[in-house]
Amino acid sequence: MYKSKHAFLTPSQFTFTLKSAMVGIEIMYIPNSIIKFARQDSWISCILGAVYPLYILLIANYLCKKSYNEDILALSKKCFGNILGSILNFIFISYFLFMLTSEFSGYIQVFKIYATGFLQNYQMVFTSLIPVTYIVYNGIKPLGRLNEVGFYLTITLLVIPIGILAYGTFLNLMPVFDNGIGNILKGSMQTFFPFSGMEVILFIYPFLKDNKNLLKCGLKAIVIVTFIYTWTVSATIYYLGIEISPKYIWPVLTLADSVHIPIVNSFRFVFIALWSIVQFKCMATHYFSISYGLNQSIKKISPQTFTLLLYPLIIIITSLYGNPTIRRSYTDRIINVYAAFNIMYVSTIAILIHFKKDKGVEKA
């Protein structure tokens, strides 16, 4: 898990690791979160929502140029001192714990209802987390390979909704710009949780082989994720309309029902199986961020040990979210607080690093 000549990520692995951190359970219900504000213009809100990860990318690129071998945690201590820096770092690390447990809770809820209703919750929680823990335990290189290969395996998920073109209507997407810029911006605010995860770049940019590729890789990841969310929201509105979509807890699953294959009784199960790979990648990326971050803060304990110690804690927190409606109400409130903290945290560090650099040049 430590950086070495064997632990560097290729540009492709780096790109898809960033993408995996931003795409998870939220793709199943993102249309409903935006529709209540932007209505048929929700796809525009998705595009505007990319501003948040883009800002994080620009900050990461600046910090990488200033100090390639030091991640955000090391720079935080350098700027704020050991005590305050450590406190802020633990808050930042807790953000990934929140993301992981929320994603895990949503994953269990979907699988419980649509695929494995015969299993008890504790059976699903304990068994589902084992492969994720195993990947994280072995370090960032296996994680990067999983994210790279998994992207090509799950590209089918982007093709599946094409089937709805035969059943929906473009009238559901009309008229465009009818809701006003204010409502569109309000809708874009609902994309904080879907686009969250880009912050992992602040941990892993020292693992990129050539730091000159950082901005390029980050932009590719943002473009891919923005396309996925925009296409998903547009396809859902096209198929269901803005009135029917909110009646479903996970409206995107209805897109799978539009696919009819003679030898397959219900394509929904195939869709969920493919989506589980997407979810595992997302969870593993957040899990790694927590283990690595804690190791950087408490170097006496190895990241592998933290990975094992976190296993029961993740299970306990995951079980506290409740049903899908309660979980979403929690995440909608908490993510806004974390988003505000993350922006102030990384922005302040970037500003302080800039002035420290200027003072160093002045003294020289």
Protein backbone atom coordinates (compact mmCIF):
# COMPACT_ATOMS: atom_id res chain seq x y z
CA MET A 1 0.00 0.00 0.00
CA TYR A 2 3.00 2.26 0.41
CA LYS A 3 4.31 4.09 -2.60
CA SER A 4 7.06 2.15 -4.34
CA LYS A 5 8.11 1.36 -7.86
CA HIS A 6 5.54 -1.43 -7.83
CA ALA A 7 2.66 0.65 -6.45
CA PHE A 8 2.41 3.36 -9.07
CA LEU A 9 -0.79 3.64 -11.09
CA THR A 10 -0.86 3.96 -14.85
CA PRO A 11 -2.78 6.96 -16.24
CA SER A 12 -5.62 4.62 -17.23
CA GLN A 13 -5.83 3.05 -13.75
CA PHE A 14 -5.66 6.49 -12.15
CA THR A 15 -8.48 7.80 -14.34
CA PHE A 16 -10.80 4.89 -13.62
CA THR A 17 -10.01 4.98 -9.91
CA LEU A 18 -11.26 8.58 -9.84
CA LYS A 19 -14.29 7.56 -11.86
CA SER A 20 -15.04 4.66 -9.50
CA ALA A 21 -14.95 6.97 -6.50
CA MET A 22 -17.73 9.10 -7.99
CA VAL A 23 -20.16 6.47 -9.32
CA GLY A 24 -22.05 4.25 -6.86
CA ILE A 25 -25.49 3.78 -5.35
CA GLU A 26 -26.53 7.35 -6.12
CA ILE A 27 -26.83 6.53 -9.83
CA MET A 28 -29.95 4.51 -8.98
CA TYR A 29 -31.93 7.52 -7.76
CA ILE A 30 -30.14 10.63 -9.02
CA PRO A 31 -33.05 11.60 -11.32
CA ASN A 32 -35.46 11.97 -8.39
CA SER A 33 -33.07 14.17 -6.44
CA ILE A 34 -32.85 16.68 -9.28
CA ILE A 35 -36.33 16.47 -10.81
CA LYS A 36 -38.03 18.11 -7.84
CA PHE A 37 -36.17 21.32 -8.68
CA ALA A 38 -35.08 21.29 -12.33
CA ARG A 39 -37.82 19.00 -13.67
CA GLN A 40 -37.26 18.27 -17.39
CA ASP A 41 -34.10 20.41 -17.32
CA SER A 42 -32.47 18.05 -14.85
CA TRP A 43 -29.87 16.95 -17.39
CA ILE A 44 -28.56 20.53 -17.44
CA SER A 45 -28.19 20.43 -13.65
CA CYS A 46 -26.07 17.29 -14.04
CA ILE A 47 -23.66 19.10 -16.33
CA LEU A 48 -23.42 22.08 -13.96
CA GLY A 49 -22.84 19.70 -11.04
CA ALA A 50 -19.45 18.81 -12.53
CA VAL A 51 -18.14 22.18 -11.29
CA TYR A 52 -17.55 20.70 -7.82
CA PRO A 53 -15.23 17.82 -8.84
CA LEU A 54 -13.57 20.15 -11.36
CA TYR A 55 -12.70 22.57 -8.56
CA ILE A 56 -11.24 19.73 -6.46
CA LEU A 57 -9.21 18.60 -9.48
CA LEU A 58 -7.76 22.07 -10.05
CA ILE A 59 -6.73 22.33 -6.39
CA ALA A 60 -5.16 18.85 -6.52
CA ASN A 61 -3.28 19.75 -9.69
CA TYR A 62 -1.92 22.90 -8.04
CA LEU A 63 -0.82 21.04 -4.90
CA CYS A 64 0.72 18.28 -6.99
CA LYS A 65 2.85 20.80 -8.88
CA LYS A 66 3.94 22.46 -5.65
CA SER A 67 4.66 19.28 -3.72
CA TYR A 68 4.33 16.05 -5.72
CA ASN A 69 5.57 13.72 -2.96
CA GLU A 70 3.27 15.08 -0.24
CA ASP A 71 -0.44 14.35 -0.17
CA ILE A 72 -3.14 16.54 1.38
CA LEU A 73 -2.61 15.11 4.88
CA ALA A 74 1.08 15.96 4.96
CA LEU A 75 0.44 19.43 3.55
CA SER A 76 -2.29 20.01 6.13
CA LYS A 77 0.15 19.41 9.00
CA LYS A 78 2.70 21.61 7.30
CA CYS A 79 0.17 24.47 7.05
CA PHE A 80 -1.77 24.12 10.30
CA GLY A 81 0.73 22.39 12.60
CA ASN A 82 0.57 18.87 14.01
CA ILE A 83 -2.37 19.33 16.40
CA LEU A 84 -4.81 21.38 14.30
CA GLY A 85 -3.63 19.67 11.12
CA SER A 86 -4.30 16.22 12.61
CA ILE A 87 -7.79 17.24 13.74
CA LEU A 88 -8.67 18.58 10.30
CA ASN A 89 -7.20 15.48 8.68
CA PHE A 90 -9.36 13.15 10.79
CA ILE A 91 -12.46 15.14 9.81
CA PHE A 92 -11.46 14.80 6.18
CA ILE A 93 -10.87 11.05 6.58
CA SER A 94 -14.24 10.66 8.32
CA TYR A 95 -15.82 12.00 5.13
CA PHE A 96 -14.72 8.86 3.28
CA LEU A 97 -16.07 6.70 6.09
CA PHE A 98 -19.42 8.41 5.67
CA MET A 99 -19.31 7.88 1.90
CA LEU A 100 -18.37 4.21 2.25
CA THR A 101 -21.04 3.32 4.81
CA SER A 102 -23.75 5.23 2.94
CA GLU A 103 -22.83 3.48 -0.31
CA PHE A 104 -22.73 0.12 1.44
CA SER A 105 -26.11 0.66 3.08
CA GLY A 106 -27.71 1.55 -0.27
CA TYR A 107 -26.11 -1.46 -1.94
CA ILE A 108 -27.54 -3.82 0.70
CA GLN A 109 -31.01 -2.29 0.36
CA VAL A 110 -31.11 -2.71 -3.43
CA PHE A 111 -29.80 -6.27 -3.37
CA LYS A 112 -32.08 -7.24 -0.51
CA ILE A 113 -35.20 -6.14 -2.39
CA TYR A 114 -34.37 -7.19 -5.95
CA ALA A 115 -31.93 -10.09 -5.77
CA THR A 116 -31.34 -11.75 -2.40
CA GLY A 117 -34.52 -11.35 -0.40
CA PHE A 118 -33.99 -14.82 1.07
CA LEU A 119 -30.91 -13.65 2.98
CA GLN A 120 -30.84 -11.83 6.30
CA ASN A 121 -29.29 -8.35 6.44
CA TYR A 122 -26.37 -9.45 8.62
CA GLN A 123 -25.55 -12.25 6.17
CA MET A 124 -25.36 -9.81 3.27
CA VAL A 125 -23.39 -7.21 5.19
CA PHE A 126 -20.72 -9.60 6.46
CA THR A 127 -20.23 -11.46 3.17
CA SER A 128 -20.42 -8.47 0.80
CA LEU A 129 -17.68 -6.57 2.62
CA ILE A 130 -15.18 -9.47 2.51
CA PRO A 131 -14.08 -9.11 -1.17
CA VAL A 132 -13.88 -5.32 -0.79
CA THR A 133 -11.70 -5.71 2.31
CA TYR A 134 -9.46 -8.22 0.51
CA ILE A 135 -8.85 -5.82 -2.40
CA VAL A 136 -8.03 -2.91 -0.08
CA TYR A 137 -5.78 -5.08 2.08
CA ASN A 138 -3.57 -5.84 -0.93
CA GLY A 139 -2.98 -2.19 -1.74
CA ILE A 140 -3.60 0.42 -4.38
CA LYS A 141 -2.19 -1.49 -7.35
CA PRO A 142 -4.82 -4.29 -7.25
CA LEU A 143 -7.43 -1.58 -6.65
CA GLY A 144 -6.26 0.29 -9.74
CA ARG A 145 -6.41 -2.87 -11.84
CA LEU A 146 -9.91 -3.66 -10.58
CA ASN A 147 -11.12 -0.17 -11.43
CA GLU A 148 -9.58 -0.37 -14.91
CA VAL A 149 -10.87 -3.83 -15.81
CA GLY A 150 -14.20 -3.23 -14.08
CA PHE A 151 -14.89 -0.18 -16.20
CA TYR A 152 -14.72 -2.19 -19.41
CA LEU A 153 -16.82 -4.96 -17.90
CA THR A 154 -19.54 -2.57 -16.80
CA ILE A 155 -19.60 -0.42 -19.94
CA THR A 156 -22.70 -2.46 -20.73
CA LEU A 157 -24.58 -0.41 -18.13
CA LEU A 158 -24.24 2.63 -20.39
CA VAL A 159 -25.62 0.73 -23.38
CA ILE A 160 -28.60 -0.90 -21.64
CA PRO A 161 -30.82 2.23 -21.47
CA ILE A 162 -30.73 2.52 -25.28
CA GLY A 163 -33.64 0.08 -25.22
CA ILE A 164 -35.92 2.79 -23.81
CA LEU A 165 -35.70 4.78 -27.05
CA ALA A 166 -38.42 2.53 -28.43
CA TYR A 167 -40.80 3.19 -25.52
CA GLY A 168 -40.29 6.75 -24.25
CA THR A 169 -40.91 10.13 -25.86
CA PHE A 170 -38.85 13.26 -26.38
CA LEU A 171 -41.85 15.27 -25.25
CA ASN A 172 -40.91 14.30 -21.68
CA LEU A 173 -37.74 16.37 -22.09
CA MET A 174 -39.55 19.42 -23.44
CA PRO A 175 -39.58 22.37 -23.20
CA VAL A 176 -35.91 23.05 -22.53
CA PHE A 177 -34.93 25.92 -20.17
CA ASP A 178 -38.53 26.22 -19.06
CA ASN A 179 -37.77 26.13 -15.30
CA GLY A 180 -35.44 29.09 -15.05
CA ILE A 181 -31.78 29.27 -14.14
CA GLY A 182 -32.58 29.44 -10.42
CA ASN A 183 -34.27 26.04 -10.33
CA ILE A 184 -31.59 24.54 -12.55
CA LEU A 185 -28.92 25.74 -10.11
CA LYS A 186 -30.92 24.33 -7.19
CA GLY A 187 -31.01 21.03 -9.05
CA SER A 188 -27.26 21.13 -9.54
CA MET A 189 -26.86 21.47 -5.77
CA GLN A 190 -28.48 18.04 -5.46
CA THR A 191 -25.53 16.50 -7.31
CA PHE A 192 -23.06 17.03 -4.46
CA PHE A 193 -23.44 13.44 -3.30
CA PRO A 194 -23.32 11.85 -6.79
CA PHE A 195 -20.22 13.84 -7.73
CA SER A 196 -18.57 13.39 -4.33
CA GLY A 197 -15.55 11.12 -4.29
CA MET A 198 -13.23 13.20 -6.45
CA GLU A 199 -11.52 14.17 -3.18
CA VAL A 200 -9.70 10.83 -3.31
CA ILE A 201 -7.34 12.45 -5.83
CA LEU A 202 -5.86 14.46 -2.95
CA PHE A 203 -4.67 11.16 -1.44
CA ILE A 204 -3.51 9.30 -4.51
CA TYR A 205 -1.83 11.84 -6.78
CA PRO A 206 1.61 10.78 -5.42
CA PHE A 207 0.83 7.30 -6.83
CA LEU A 208 0.56 8.57 -10.41
CA LYS A 209 3.65 7.66 -12.45
CA ASP A 210 3.89 11.02 -14.21
CA ASN A 211 2.35 13.97 -12.40
CA LYS A 212 2.10 15.82 -15.72
CA ASN A 213 -0.84 13.53 -16.54
CA LEU A 214 -2.81 14.47 -13.43
CA LEU A 215 -4.99 17.17 -14.99
CA LYS A 216 -5.60 15.11 -18.12
CA CYS A 217 -6.59 12.01 -16.13
CA GLY A 218 -8.84 14.02 -13.83
CA LEU A 219 -10.61 15.73 -16.72
CA LYS A 220 -11.22 12.38 -18.41
CA ALA A 221 -12.75 10.99 -15.23
CA ILE A 222 -15.03 14.03 -14.79
CA VAL A 223 -16.17 13.90 -18.41
CA ILE A 224 -16.97 10.18 -18.13
CA VAL A 225 -18.90 10.60 -14.88
CA THR A 226 -20.77 13.68 -16.14
CA PHE A 227 -21.78 11.78 -19.26
CA ILE A 228 -22.95 8.79 -17.20
CA TYR A 229 -25.12 10.93 -14.92
CA THR A 230 -26.46 13.16 -17.72
CA TRP A 231 -27.32 10.17 -19.87
CA THR A 232 -28.92 8.33 -16.95
CA VAL A 233 -31.09 11.30 -15.94
CA SER A 234 -32.09 12.06 -19.54
CA ALA A 235 -32.94 8.41 -20.24
CA THR A 236 -35.05 8.13 -17.08
CA ILE A 237 -37.04 11.29 -17.85
CA TYR A 238 -37.41 10.23 -21.49
CA TYR A 239 -38.79 6.84 -20.43
CA LEU A 240 -40.83 7.70 -17.33
CA GLY A 241 -41.39 11.43 -17.38
CA ILE A 242 -40.98 13.87 -14.49
CA GLU A 243 -44.27 12.87 -12.88
CA ILE A 244 -43.81 9.08 -12.77
CA SER A 245 -40.09 8.87 -11.97
CA PRO A 246 -40.42 10.20 -8.37
CA LYS A 247 -42.91 7.40 -7.62
CA TYR A 248 -40.05 4.88 -7.79
CA ILE A 249 -37.42 4.54 -5.04
CA TRP A 250 -34.80 3.55 -7.62
CA PRO A 251 -36.17 4.77 -10.97
CA VAL A 252 -33.08 3.83 -12.97
CA LEU A 253 -33.83 0.15 -12.37
CA THR A 254 -36.92 0.54 -14.51
CA LEU A 255 -34.66 1.15 -17.52
CA ALA A 256 -33.47 -2.44 -17.25
CA ASP A 257 -37.07 -3.59 -17.61
CA SER A 258 -37.15 -2.10 -21.11
CA VAL A 259 -34.63 -4.70 -22.28
CA HIS A 260 -36.26 -7.91 -23.48
CA ILE A 261 -34.10 -10.97 -24.21
CA PRO A 262 -35.94 -14.23 -25.04
CA ILE A 263 -33.71 -16.51 -22.97
CA VAL A 264 -33.59 -14.15 -19.97
CA ASN A 265 -36.66 -14.10 -17.74
CA SER A 266 -35.87 -10.71 -16.20
CA PHE A 267 -32.98 -8.54 -17.37
CA ARG A 268 -33.17 -6.62 -14.11
CA PHE A 269 -31.12 -9.34 -12.37
CA VAL A 270 -28.41 -9.10 -15.03
CA PHE A 271 -28.38 -5.32 -14.61
CA ILE A 272 -28.05 -5.57 -10.82
CA ALA A 273 -25.25 -8.14 -11.13
CA LEU A 274 -23.28 -5.82 -13.41
CA TRP A 275 -24.02 -2.85 -11.22
CA SER A 276 -22.68 -4.70 -8.15
CA ILE A 277 -19.23 -4.61 -9.78
CA VAL A 278 -19.56 -0.82 -10.07
CA GLN A 279 -20.58 -0.62 -6.42
CA PHE A 280 -17.70 -2.81 -5.22
CA LYS A 281 -15.19 -0.57 -7.01
CA CYS A 282 -16.68 2.54 -5.44
CA MET A 283 -16.68 1.04 -1.95
CA ALA A 284 -13.12 -0.29 -2.30
CA THR A 285 -11.83 3.13 -3.39
CA HIS A 286 -13.36 4.84 -0.35
CA TYR A 287 -12.19 2.01 1.93
CA PHE A 288 -8.63 2.44 0.68
CA SER A 289 -8.80 6.20 1.30
CA ILE A 290 -9.73 5.62 4.95
CA SER A 291 -7.05 2.98 5.59
CA TYR A 292 -4.35 4.95 3.80
CA GLY A 293 -5.36 8.21 5.47
CA LEU A 294 -5.30 6.70 8.95
CA ASN A 295 -1.91 5.15 8.26
CA GLN A 296 -0.53 8.52 7.18
CA SER A 297 -1.85 10.04 10.41
CA ILE A 298 -0.75 7.18 12.71
CA LYS A 299 2.28 5.68 11.02
CA LYS A 300 2.93 3.12 13.77
CA ILE A 301 -0.06 1.12 12.57
CA SER A 302 0.11 -0.37 9.09
CA PRO A 303 -2.62 0.32 6.53
CA GLN A 304 -3.35 -3.41 6.38
CA THR A 305 -4.05 -3.42 10.13
CA PHE A 306 -6.34 -0.43 9.75
CA THR A 307 -8.18 -2.24 6.96
CA LEU A 308 -8.97 -5.15 9.29
CA LEU A 309 -9.82 -2.93 12.26
CA LEU A 310 -12.25 -0.91 10.16
CA TYR A 311 -14.22 -3.99 9.09
CA PRO A 312 -16.47 -4.25 12.19
CA LEU A 313 -16.80 -0.44 12.46
CA ILE A 314 -18.05 -0.19 8.88
CA ILE A 315 -20.63 -2.93 9.52
CA ILE A 316 -21.91 -1.19 12.67
CA ILE A 317 -22.26 2.23 11.02
CA THR A 318 -23.85 0.74 7.91
CA SER A 319 -26.58 -0.89 10.00
CA LEU A 320 -27.58 2.51 11.49
CA TYR A 321 -28.84 4.17 8.29
CA GLY A 322 -32.28 2.57 8.25
CA ASN A 323 -34.53 2.30 5.20
CA PRO A 324 -33.75 4.03 1.84
CA THR A 325 -35.84 7.12 2.61
CA ILE A 326 -34.19 7.70 6.00
CA ARG A 327 -30.73 7.03 4.57
CA ARG A 328 -31.23 9.64 1.86
CA SER A 329 -32.45 12.23 4.34
CA TYR A 330 -29.26 11.67 6.36
CA THR A 331 -26.96 11.79 3.37
CA ASP A 332 -28.57 14.92 1.89
CA ARG A 333 -27.94 16.83 5.10
CA ILE A 334 -24.51 15.47 5.93
CA ILE A 335 -23.05 15.77 2.43
CA ASN A 336 -23.74 19.52 2.32
CA VAL A 337 -21.76 19.99 5.53
CA TYR A 338 -18.88 17.86 4.27
CA ALA A 339 -18.87 19.58 0.87
CA ALA A 340 -18.56 22.99 2.55
CA PHE A 341 -15.78 21.70 4.82
CA ASN A 342 -13.88 20.07 1.94
CA ILE A 343 -13.95 23.24 -0.14
CA MET A 344 -12.69 25.39 2.75
CA TYR A 345 -10.14 22.75 3.81
CA VAL A 346 -8.46 22.28 0.42
CA SER A 347 -8.77 25.94 -0.56
CA THR A 348 -7.10 27.14 2.64
CA ILE A 349 -4.25 24.66 2.22
CA ALA A 350 -3.72 25.75 -1.39
CA ILE A 351 -3.65 29.43 -0.35
CA LEU A 352 -1.24 28.82 2.52
CA ILE A 353 1.04 26.71 0.31
CA HIS A 354 1.05 29.53 -2.23
CA PHE A 355 2.10 32.13 0.35
CA LYS A 356 4.66 29.82 1.93
CA LYS A 357 6.22 29.34 -1.49
CA ASP A 358 6.32 33.10 -2.08
CA LYS A 359 8.02 33.66 1.29
CA GLY A 360 10.56 30.96 0.48
CA VAL A 361 11.43 32.63 -2.83
CA GLU A 362 11.68 36.01 -1.09
CA LYS A 363 14.14 34.66 1.49
CA ALA A 364 16.23 32.96 -1.18
